[in-house]
Amino acid sequence: MEHSILQTVLWSYLICINIITIAVYGIDKRSAVRGKWRIRVSTLLGLAAAGGSVGALLGMHLFHHKTRKKKFTIGVPLMLAAQILLLFFLAKAGLLFFA
């Protein structure tokens, strides 16, 4: 039962952070096109590091945003790989189930 609650919280968090991340990348792209205020690079990368790496990659490609910046084209996929590894190790330790 405890694992079930932990999983629900984890997956809910990951879904929310990724939706927020996609939205923030879209907002920043729109601001860039309109010449308005921008969202800091540290915020964009921080959202990816906080579990929103899938949303960051989707936002980058969906909005064609930050796709020429090495911090993003290398950093975000590395963050995603690290997050996948973390999930794998949590599952292997019996703390997370995928079925």
PDB file of N, CA and C in Angstrom:
ATOM      1  N   MET A   1       0.827  -1.202   0.000  1.00  0.00           N
ATOM      2  CA  MET A   1       0.000   0.000   0.000  1.00  0.00           C
ATOM      3  C   MET A   1       0.865   1.257   0.000  1.00  0.00           C
ATOM      4  N   GLU A   2       1.934   1.255   0.801  1.00  0.00           N
ATOM      5  CA  GLU A   2       2.818   2.405   0.885  1.00  0.00           C
ATOM      6  C   GLU A   2       3.454   2.723  -0.468  1.00  0.00           C
ATOM      7  N   HIS A   3       3.883   1.652  -1.162  1.00  0.00           N
ATOM      8  CA  HIS A   3       4.506   1.840  -2.469  1.00  0.00           C
ATOM      9  C   HIS A   3       3.518   2.431  -3.463  1.00  0.00           C
ATOM     10  N   SER A   4       2.265   2.046  -3.352  1.00  0.00           N
ATOM     11  CA  SER A   4       1.231   2.538  -4.254  1.00  0.00           C
ATOM     12  C   SER A   4       1.056   4.051  -4.114  1.00  0.00           C
ATOM     13  N   ILE A   5       1.064   4.544  -2.891  1.00  0.00           N
ATOM     14  CA  ILE A   5       0.921   5.982  -2.654  1.00  0.00           C
ATOM     15  C   ILE A   5       2.145   6.721  -3.173  1.00  0.00           C
ATOM     16  N   LEU A   6       3.328   6.171  -2.903  1.00  0.00           N
ATOM     17  CA  LEU A   6       4.572   6.770  -3.378  1.00  0.00           C
ATOM     18  C   LEU A   6       4.585   6.860  -4.896  1.00  0.00           C
ATOM     19  N   GLN A   7       4.178   5.785  -5.546  1.00  0.00           N
ATOM     20  CA  GLN A   7       4.119   5.771  -7.010  1.00  0.00           C
ATOM     21  C   GLN A   7       3.134   6.801  -7.536  1.00  0.00           C
ATOM     22  N   THR A   8       1.969   6.874  -6.931  1.00  0.00           N
ATOM     23  CA  THR A   8       0.960   7.834  -7.369  1.00  0.00           C
ATOM     24  C   THR A   8       1.483   9.257  -7.255  1.00  0.00           C
ATOM     25  N   VAL A   9       2.127   9.552  -6.148  1.00  0.00           N
ATOM     26  CA  VAL A   9       2.693  10.891  -5.946  1.00  0.00           C
ATOM     27  C   VAL A   9       3.784  11.161  -6.979  1.00  0.00           C
ATOM     28  N   LEU A  10       4.676  10.195  -7.179  1.00  0.00           N
ATOM     29  CA  LEU A  10       5.778  10.366  -8.129  1.00  0.00           C
ATOM     30  C   LEU A  10       5.267  10.597  -9.542  1.00  0.00           C
ATOM     31  N   TRP A  11       4.376   9.732 -10.007  1.00  0.00           N
ATOM     32  CA  TRP A  11       3.866   9.870 -11.382  1.00  0.00           C
ATOM     33  C   TRP A  11       3.041  11.150 -11.550  1.00  0.00           C
ATOM     34  N   SER A  12       2.288  11.519 -10.535  1.00  0.00           N
ATOM     35  CA  SER A  12       1.527  12.774 -10.599  1.00  0.00           C
ATOM     36  C   SER A  12       2.471  13.964 -10.707  1.00  0.00           C
ATOM     37  N   TYR A  13       3.534  13.936  -9.895  1.00  0.00           N
ATOM     38  CA  TYR A  13       4.533  15.007  -9.949  1.00  0.00           C
ATOM     39  C   TYR A  13       5.171  15.079 -11.338  1.00  0.00           C
ATOM     40  N   LEU A  14       5.584  13.919 -11.866  1.00  0.00           N
ATOM     41  CA  LEU A  14       6.253  13.926 -13.174  1.00  0.00           C
ATOM     42  C   LEU A  14       5.329  14.432 -14.283  1.00  0.00           C
ATOM     43  N   ILE A  15       4.075  14.043 -14.231  1.00  0.00           N
ATOM     44  CA  ILE A  15       3.126  14.528 -15.238  1.00  0.00           C
ATOM     45  C   ILE A  15       2.965  16.040 -15.122  1.00  0.00           C
ATOM     46  N   CYS A  16       2.785  16.541 -13.916  1.00  0.00           N
ATOM     47  CA  CYS A  16       2.597  17.984 -13.702  1.00  0.00           C
ATOM     48  C   CYS A  16       3.830  18.787 -14.103  1.00  0.00           C
ATOM     49  N   ILE A  17       5.023  18.359 -13.674  1.00  0.00           N
ATOM     50  CA  ILE A  17       6.239  19.123 -13.980  1.00  0.00           C
ATOM     51  C   ILE A  17       6.498  19.138 -15.483  1.00  0.00           C
ATOM     52  N   ASN A  18       6.162  18.068 -16.178  1.00  0.00           N
ATOM     53  CA  ASN A  18       6.373  18.039 -17.623  1.00  0.00           C
ATOM     54  C   ASN A  18       5.366  18.905 -18.371  1.00  0.00           C
ATOM     55  N   ILE A  19       4.131  18.951 -17.917  1.00  0.00           N
ATOM     56  CA  ILE A  19       3.131  19.843 -18.524  1.00  0.00           C
ATOM     57  C   ILE A  19       3.542  21.299 -18.303  1.00  0.00           C
ATOM     58  N   ILE A  20       3.968  21.609 -17.093  1.00  0.00           N
ATOM     59  CA  ILE A  20       4.431  22.973 -16.788  1.00  0.00           C
ATOM     60  C   ILE A  20       5.633  23.333 -17.651  1.00  0.00           C
ATOM     61  N   THR A  21       6.565  22.404 -17.802  1.00  0.00           N
ATOM     62  CA  THR A  21       7.777  22.660 -18.573  1.00  0.00           C
ATOM     63  C   THR A  21       7.459  22.934 -20.040  1.00  0.00           C
ATOM     64  N   ILE A  22       6.597  22.131 -20.640  1.00  0.00           N
ATOM     65  CA  ILE A  22       6.198  22.383 -22.034  1.00  0.00           C
ATOM     66  C   ILE A  22       5.585  23.779 -22.147  1.00  0.00           C
ATOM     67  N   ALA A  23       4.705  24.119 -21.230  1.00  0.00           N
ATOM     68  CA  ALA A  23       4.047  25.431 -21.265  1.00  0.00           C
ATOM     69  C   ALA A  23       5.062  26.564 -21.133  1.00  0.00           C
ATOM     70  N   VAL A  24       6.017  26.427 -20.232  1.00  0.00           N
ATOM     71  CA  VAL A  24       7.016  27.482 -20.022  1.00  0.00           C
ATOM     72  C   VAL A  24       7.886  27.644 -21.265  1.00  0.00           C
ATOM     73  N   TYR A  25       8.267  26.550 -21.910  1.00  0.00           N
ATOM     74  CA  TYR A  25       9.046  26.646 -23.148  1.00  0.00           C
ATOM     75  C   TYR A  25       8.228  27.347 -24.230  1.00  0.00           C
ATOM     76  N   GLY A  26       6.933  27.055 -24.303  1.00  0.00           N
ATOM     77  CA  GLY A  26       6.067  27.726 -25.275  1.00  0.00           C
ATOM     78  C   GLY A  26       5.932  29.211 -24.982  1.00  0.00           C
ATOM     79  N   ILE A  27       5.781  29.554 -23.714  1.00  0.00           N
ATOM     80  CA  ILE A  27       5.673  30.961 -23.317  1.00  0.00           C
ATOM     81  C   ILE A  27       6.961  31.707 -23.654  1.00  0.00           C
ATOM     82  N   ASP A  28       8.105  31.087 -23.379  1.00  0.00           N
ATOM     83  CA  ASP A  28       9.384  31.736 -23.671  1.00  0.00           C
ATOM     84  C   ASP A  28       9.576  31.919 -25.173  1.00  0.00           C
ATOM     85  N   LYS A  29       9.172  30.955 -25.958  1.00  0.00           N
ATOM     86  CA  LYS A  29       9.287  31.084 -27.417  1.00  0.00           C
ATOM     87  C   LYS A  29       8.405  32.226 -27.926  1.00  0.00           C
ATOM     88  N   ARG A  30       7.186  32.286 -27.420  1.00  0.00           N
ATOM     89  CA  ARG A  30       6.287  33.355 -27.831  1.00  0.00           C
ATOM     90  C   ARG A  30       6.866  34.719 -27.450  1.00  0.00           C
ATOM     91  N   SER A  31       7.430  34.795 -26.260  1.00  0.00           N
ATOM     92  CA  SER A  31       8.049  36.047 -25.810  1.00  0.00           C
ATOM     93  C   SER A  31       9.244  36.412 -26.684  1.00  0.00           C
ATOM     94  N   ALA A  32      10.017  35.424 -27.080  1.00  0.00           N
ATOM     95  CA  ALA A  32      11.183  35.669 -27.938  1.00  0.00           C
ATOM     96  C   ALA A  32      10.752  36.223 -29.292  1.00  0.00           C
ATOM     97  N   VAL A  33       9.725  35.631 -29.857  1.00  0.00           N
ATOM     98  CA  VAL A  33       9.229  36.077 -31.166  1.00  0.00           C
ATOM     99  C   VAL A  33       8.690  37.505 -31.084  1.00  0.00           C
ATOM    100  N   ARG A  34       8.040  37.829 -29.982  1.00  0.00           N
ATOM    101  CA  ARG A  34       7.432  39.152 -29.812  1.00  0.00           C
ATOM    102  C   ARG A  34       8.399  40.191 -29.252  1.00  0.00           C
ATOM    103  N   GLY A  35       9.626  39.778 -28.949  1.00  0.00           N
ATOM    104  CA  GLY A  35      10.613  40.713 -28.417  1.00  0.00           C
ATOM    105  C   GLY A  35      10.304  41.188 -27.007  1.00  0.00           C
ATOM    106  N   LYS A  36       9.618  40.363 -26.232  1.00  0.00           N
ATOM    107  CA  LYS A  36       9.234  40.732 -24.865  1.00  0.00           C
ATOM    108  C   LYS A  36      10.161  40.060 -23.858  1.00  0.00           C
ATOM    109  N   TRP A  37       9.808  40.198 -22.562  1.00  0.00           N
ATOM    110  CA  TRP A  37      10.600  39.604 -21.487  1.00  0.00           C
ATOM    111  C   TRP A  37      10.800  38.121 -21.745  1.00  0.00           C
ATOM    112  N   ARG A  38      11.914  37.612 -21.233  1.00  0.00           N
ATOM    113  CA  ARG A  38      12.258  36.209 -21.450  1.00  0.00           C
ATOM    114  C   ARG A  38      12.380  35.466 -20.132  1.00  0.00           C
ATOM    115  N   ILE A  39      12.227  34.201 -20.194  1.00  0.00           N
ATOM    116  CA  ILE A  39      12.421  33.337 -19.034  1.00  0.00           C
ATOM    117  C   ILE A  39      13.901  32.965 -18.989  1.00  0.00           C
ATOM    118  N   ARG A  40      14.482  33.012 -17.799  1.00  0.00           N
ATOM    119  CA  ARG A  40      15.907  32.743 -17.655  1.00  0.00           C
ATOM    120  C   ARG A  40      16.260  31.325 -18.107  1.00  0.00           C
ATOM    121  N   VAL A  41      17.448  31.204 -18.681  1.00  0.00           N
ATOM    122  CA  VAL A  41      17.969  29.900 -19.086  1.00  0.00           C
ATOM    123  C   VAL A  41      18.022  28.966 -17.880  1.00  0.00           C
ATOM    124  N   SER A  42      18.420  29.503 -16.728  1.00  0.00           N
ATOM    125  CA  SER A  42      18.503  28.671 -15.521  1.00  0.00           C
ATOM    126  C   SER A  42      17.137  28.123 -15.120  1.00  0.00           C
ATOM    127  N   THR A  43      16.092  28.875 -15.370  1.00  0.00           N
ATOM    128  CA  THR A  43      14.744  28.398 -15.064  1.00  0.00           C
ATOM    129  C   THR A  43      14.342  27.283 -16.027  1.00  0.00           C
ATOM    130  N   LEU A  44      14.612  27.479 -17.307  1.00  0.00           N
ATOM    131  CA  LEU A  44      14.278  26.465 -18.305  1.00  0.00           C
ATOM    132  C   LEU A  44      15.018  25.157 -18.028  1.00  0.00           C
ATOM    133  N   LEU A  45      16.317  25.256 -17.761  1.00  0.00           N
ATOM    134  CA  LEU A  45      17.104  24.063 -17.471  1.00  0.00           C
ATOM    135  C   LEU A  45      16.742  23.481 -16.104  1.00  0.00           C
ATOM    136  N   GLY A  46      16.405  24.343 -15.158  1.00  0.00           N
ATOM    137  CA  GLY A  46      16.007  23.884 -13.831  1.00  0.00           C
ATOM    138  C   GLY A  46      14.738  23.054 -13.862  1.00  0.00           C
ATOM    139  N   LEU A  47      13.787  23.457 -14.693  1.00  0.00           N
ATOM    140  CA  LEU A  47      12.563  22.671 -14.846  1.00  0.00           C
ATOM    141  C   LEU A  47      12.870  21.286 -15.412  1.00  0.00           C
ATOM    142  N   ALA A  48      13.780  21.249 -16.387  1.00  0.00           N
ATOM    143  CA  ALA A  48      14.184  19.955 -16.958  1.00  0.00           C
ATOM    144  C   ALA A  48      14.856  19.094 -15.892  1.00  0.00           C
ATOM    145  N   ALA A  49      15.740  19.698 -15.110  1.00  0.00           N
ATOM    146  CA  ALA A  49      16.462  18.964 -14.061  1.00  0.00           C
ATOM    147  C   ALA A  49      15.526  18.485 -12.961  1.00  0.00           C
ATOM    148  N   ALA A  50      14.454  19.211 -12.731  1.00  0.00           N
ATOM    149  CA  ALA A  50      13.506  18.865 -11.660  1.00  0.00           C
ATOM    150  C   ALA A  50      12.543  17.750 -12.069  1.00  0.00           C
ATOM    151  N   GLY A  51      12.804  17.125 -13.215  1.00  0.00           N
ATOM    152  CA  GLY A  51      11.963  16.017 -13.660  1.00  0.00           C
ATOM    153  C   GLY A  51      11.193  16.315 -14.930  1.00  0.00           C
ATOM    154  N   GLY A  52      11.356  17.516 -15.457  1.00  0.00           N
ATOM    155  CA  GLY A  52      10.621  17.914 -16.655  1.00  0.00           C
ATOM    156  C   GLY A  52      11.412  17.771 -17.940  1.00  0.00           C
ATOM    157  N   SER A  53      12.343  16.834 -17.983  1.00  0.00           N
ATOM    158  CA  SER A  53      13.189  16.701 -19.172  1.00  0.00           C
ATOM    159  C   SER A  53      12.405  16.245 -20.400  1.00  0.00           C
ATOM    160  N   VAL A  54      11.413  15.405 -20.218  1.00  0.00           N
ATOM    161  CA  VAL A  54      10.583  14.989 -21.357  1.00  0.00           C
ATOM    162  C   VAL A  54       9.816  16.204 -21.888  1.00  0.00           C
ATOM    163  N   GLY A  55       9.251  16.983 -20.990  1.00  0.00           N
ATOM    164  CA  GLY A  55       8.534  18.193 -21.386  1.00  0.00           C
ATOM    165  C   GLY A  55       9.455  19.204 -22.050  1.00  0.00           C
ATOM    166  N   ALA A  56      10.689  19.307 -21.561  1.00  0.00           N
ATOM    167  CA  ALA A  56      11.657  20.222 -22.161  1.00  0.00           C
ATOM    168  C   ALA A  56      11.973  19.796 -23.592  1.00  0.00           C
ATOM    169  N   LEU A  57      12.232  18.508 -23.795  1.00  0.00           N
ATOM    170  CA  LEU A  57      12.515  18.027 -25.150  1.00  0.00           C
ATOM    171  C   LEU A  57      11.319  18.231 -26.073  1.00  0.00           C
ATOM    172  N   LEU A  58      10.132  17.922 -25.571  1.00  0.00           N
ATOM    173  CA  LEU A  58       8.928  18.134 -26.388  1.00  0.00           C
ATOM    174  C   LEU A  58       8.747  19.615 -26.710  1.00  0.00           C
ATOM    175  N   GLY A  59       8.937  20.469 -25.709  1.00  0.00           N
ATOM    176  CA  GLY A  59       8.811  21.907 -25.921  1.00  0.00           C
ATOM    177  C   GLY A  59       9.840  22.443 -26.900  1.00  0.00           C
ATOM    178  N   MET A  60      11.066  21.939 -26.788  1.00  0.00           N
ATOM    179  CA  MET A  60      12.119  22.374 -27.709  1.00  0.00           C
ATOM    180  C   MET A  60      11.742  22.061 -29.150  1.00  0.00           C
ATOM    181  N   HIS A  61      11.244  20.866 -29.376  1.00  0.00           N
ATOM    182  CA  HIS A  61      10.935  20.455 -30.746  1.00  0.00           C
ATOM    183  C   HIS A  61       9.579  20.965 -31.220  1.00  0.00           C
ATOM    184  N   LEU A  62       8.610  21.003 -30.344  1.00  0.00           N
ATOM    185  CA  LEU A  62       7.282  21.488 -30.708  1.00  0.00           C
ATOM    186  C   LEU A  62       7.312  22.965 -31.085  1.00  0.00           C
ATOM    187  N   PHE A  63       8.065  23.760 -30.299  1.00  0.00           N
ATOM    188  CA  PHE A  63       8.116  25.205 -30.515  1.00  0.00           C
ATOM    189  C   PHE A  63       9.381  25.641 -31.256  1.00  0.00           C
ATOM    190  N   HIS A  64      10.228  24.692 -31.653  1.00  0.00           N
ATOM    191  CA  HIS A  64      11.514  25.001 -32.305  1.00  0.00           C
ATOM    192  C   HIS A  64      12.265  26.040 -31.480  1.00  0.00           C
ATOM    193  N   HIS A  65      12.430  25.732 -30.216  1.00  0.00           N
ATOM    194  CA  HIS A  65      12.992  26.682 -29.268  1.00  0.00           C
ATOM    195  C   HIS A  65      14.218  26.092 -28.589  1.00  0.00           C
ATOM    196  N   LYS A  66      15.304  26.841 -28.590  1.00  0.00           N
ATOM    197  CA  LYS A  66      16.570  26.456 -27.954  1.00  0.00           C
ATOM    198  C   LYS A  66      17.189  25.224 -28.607  1.00  0.00           C
ATOM    199  N   THR A  67      16.850  24.955 -29.854  1.00  0.00           N
ATOM    200  CA  THR A  67      17.355  23.764 -30.529  1.00  0.00           C
ATOM    201  C   THR A  67      18.762  23.954 -31.094  1.00  0.00           C
ATOM    202  N   ARG A  68      19.296  25.162 -31.024  1.00  0.00           N
ATOM    203  CA  ARG A  68      20.668  25.408 -31.487  1.00  0.00           C
ATOM    204  C   ARG A  68      21.623  25.666 -30.325  1.00  0.00           C
ATOM    205  N   LYS A  69      21.120  25.649 -29.129  1.00  0.00           N
ATOM    206  CA  LYS A  69      21.926  25.938 -27.944  1.00  0.00           C
ATOM    207  C   LYS A  69      22.439  24.634 -27.342  1.00  0.00           C
ATOM    208  N   LYS A  70      23.770  24.518 -27.240  1.00  0.00           N
ATOM    209  CA  LYS A  70      24.366  23.275 -26.738  1.00  0.00           C
ATOM    210  C   LYS A  70      23.935  22.948 -25.312  1.00  0.00           C
ATOM    211  N   LYS A  71      23.731  23.971 -24.492  1.00  0.00           N
ATOM    212  CA  LYS A  71      23.269  23.720 -23.123  1.00  0.00           C
ATOM    213  C   LYS A  71      21.979  22.912 -23.139  1.00  0.00           C
ATOM    214  N   PHE A  72      21.174  23.136 -24.144  1.00  0.00           N
ATOM    215  CA  PHE A  72      19.877  22.467 -24.236  1.00  0.00           C
ATOM    216  C   PHE A  72      19.962  21.179 -25.054  1.00  0.00           C
ATOM    217  N   THR A  73      20.635  21.225 -26.208  1.00  0.00           N
ATOM    218  CA  THR A  73      20.671  20.045 -27.077  1.00  0.00           C
ATOM    219  C   THR A  73      21.482  18.907 -26.483  1.00  0.00           C
ATOM    220  N   ILE A  74      22.420  19.230 -25.608  1.00  0.00           N
ATOM    221  CA  ILE A  74      23.199  18.195 -24.930  1.00  0.00           C
ATOM    222  C   ILE A  74      22.693  17.998 -23.506  1.00  0.00           C
ATOM    223  N   GLY A  75      22.455  19.101 -22.811  1.00  0.00           N
ATOM    224  CA  GLY A  75      22.078  19.046 -21.400  1.00  0.00           C
ATOM    225  C   GLY A  75      20.752  18.362 -21.128  1.00  0.00           C
ATOM    226  N   VAL A  76      19.735  18.701 -21.884  1.00  0.00           N
ATOM    227  CA  VAL A  76      18.399  18.139 -21.623  1.00  0.00           C
ATOM    228  C   VAL A  76      18.370  16.626 -21.890  1.00  0.00           C
ATOM    229  N   PRO A  77      18.930  16.137 -23.001  1.00  0.00           N
ATOM    230  CA  PRO A  77      18.954  14.673 -23.170  1.00  0.00           C
ATOM    231  C   PRO A  77      19.765  13.958 -22.081  1.00  0.00           C
ATOM    232  N   LEU A  78      20.842  14.583 -21.606  1.00  0.00           N
ATOM    233  CA  LEU A  78      21.609  13.986 -20.515  1.00  0.00           C
ATOM    234  C   LEU A  78      20.779  13.924 -19.233  1.00  0.00           C
ATOM    235  N   MET A  79      20.019  14.975 -18.975  1.00  0.00           N
ATOM    236  CA  MET A  79      19.139  14.972 -17.805  1.00  0.00           C
ATOM    237  C   MET A  79      18.086  13.875 -17.932  1.00  0.00           C
ATOM    238  N   LEU A  80      17.528  13.718 -19.124  1.00  0.00           N
ATOM    239  CA  LEU A  80      16.534  12.668 -19.347  1.00  0.00           C
ATOM    240  C   LEU A  80      17.153  11.295 -19.099  1.00  0.00           C
ATOM    241  N   ALA A  81      18.351  11.074 -19.607  1.00  0.00           N
ATOM    242  CA  ALA A  81      19.029   9.790 -19.402  1.00  0.00           C
ATOM    243  C   ALA A  81      19.245   9.535 -17.912  1.00  0.00           C
ATOM    244  N   ALA A  82      19.670  10.551 -17.179  1.00  0.00           N
ATOM    245  CA  ALA A  82      19.888  10.414 -15.742  1.00  0.00           C
ATOM    246  C   ALA A  82      18.579  10.107 -15.015  1.00  0.00           C
ATOM    247  N   GLN A  83      17.499  10.745 -15.440  1.00  0.00           N
ATOM    248  CA  GLN A  83      16.202  10.512 -14.799  1.00  0.00           C
ATOM    249  C   GLN A  83      15.680   9.111 -15.112  1.00  0.00           C
ATOM    250  N   ILE A  84      15.910   8.639 -16.310  1.00  0.00           N
ATOM    251  CA  ILE A  84      15.508   7.270 -16.664  1.00  0.00           C
ATOM    252  C   ILE A  84      16.306   6.265 -15.837  1.00  0.00           C
ATOM    253  N   LEU A  85      17.615   6.512 -15.696  1.00  0.00           N
ATOM    254  CA  LEU A  85      18.451   5.639 -14.868  1.00  0.00           C
ATOM    255  C   LEU A  85      17.971   5.621 -13.417  1.00  0.00           C
ATOM    256  N   LEU A  86      17.617   6.785 -12.907  1.00  0.00           N
ATOM    257  CA  LEU A  86      17.106   6.866 -11.539  1.00  0.00           C
ATOM    258  C   LEU A  86      15.831   6.034 -11.382  1.00  0.00           C
ATOM    259  N   LEU A  87      14.917   6.159 -12.328  1.00  0.00           N
ATOM    260  CA  LEU A  87      13.685   5.364 -12.277  1.00  0.00           C
ATOM    261  C   LEU A  87      13.987   3.870 -12.355  1.00  0.00           C
ATOM    262  N   PHE A  88      14.961   3.517 -13.208  1.00  0.00           N
ATOM    263  CA  PHE A  88      15.363   2.118 -13.340  1.00  0.00           C
ATOM    264  C   PHE A  88      15.883   1.580 -12.010  1.00  0.00           C
ATOM    265  N   PHE A  89      16.764   2.341 -11.368  1.00  0.00           N
ATOM    266  CA  PHE A  89      17.332   1.891 -10.097  1.00  0.00           C
ATOM    267  C   PHE A  89      16.278   1.848  -8.980  1.00  0.00           C
ATOM    268  N   LEU A  90      15.339   2.780  -8.999  1.00  0.00           N
ATOM    269  CA  LEU A  90      14.240   2.723  -8.023  1.00  0.00           C
ATOM    270  C   LEU A  90      13.388   1.478  -8.236  1.00  0.00           C
ATOM    271  N   ALA A  91      13.152   1.133  -9.501  1.00  0.00           N
ATOM    272  CA  ALA A  91      12.382  -0.064  -9.798  1.00  0.00           C
ATOM    273  C   ALA A  91      13.160  -1.314  -9.397  1.00  0.00           C
ATOM    274  N   LYS A  92      14.449  -1.333  -9.671  1.00  0.00           N
ATOM    275  CA  LYS A  92      15.280  -2.487  -9.330  1.00  0.00           C
ATOM    276  C   LYS A  92      15.354  -2.686  -7.812  1.00  0.00           C
ATOM    277  N   ALA A  93      15.329  -1.583  -7.063  1.00  0.00           N
ATOM    278  CA  ALA A  93      15.369  -1.649  -5.606  1.00  0.00           C
ATOM    279  C   ALA A  93      14.007  -2.004  -5.009  1.00  0.00           C
ATOM    280  N   GLY A  94      12.995  -2.127  -5.870  1.00  0.00           N
ATOM    281  CA  GLY A  94      11.671  -2.492  -5.390  1.00  0.00           C
ATOM    282  C   GLY A  94      10.850  -1.320  -4.881  1.00  0.00           C
ATOM    283  N   LEU A  95      11.318  -0.117  -5.137  1.00  0.00           N
ATOM    284  CA  LEU A  95      10.600   1.068  -4.677  1.00  0.00           C
ATOM    285  C   LEU A  95       9.610   1.602  -5.695  1.00  0.00           C
ATOM    286  N   LEU A  96       9.686   1.070  -6.911  1.00  0.00           N
ATOM    287  CA  LEU A  96       8.851   1.566  -7.983  1.00  0.00           C
ATOM    288  C   LEU A  96       8.473   0.390  -8.872  1.00  0.00           C
ATOM    289  N   PHE A  97       7.209   0.335  -9.271  1.00  0.00           N
ATOM    290  CA  PHE A  97       6.744  -0.725 -10.150  1.00  0.00           C
ATOM    291  C   PHE A  97       6.139  -0.101 -11.387  1.00  0.00           C
ATOM    292  N   PHE A  98       6.357  -0.730 -12.522  1.00  0.00           N
ATOM    293  CA  PHE A  98       5.857  -0.187 -13.778  1.00  0.00           C
ATOM    294  C   PHE A  98       4.628  -0.927 -14.281  1.00  0.00           C
ATOM    295  N   ALA A  99       4.220  -1.960 -13.609  1.00  0.00           N
ATOM    296  CA  ALA A  99       3.076  -2.725 -14.075  1.00  0.00           C
ATOM    297  C   ALA A  99       1.847  -2.417 -13.266  1.00  0.00           C
TER     298      ALA A  99
END
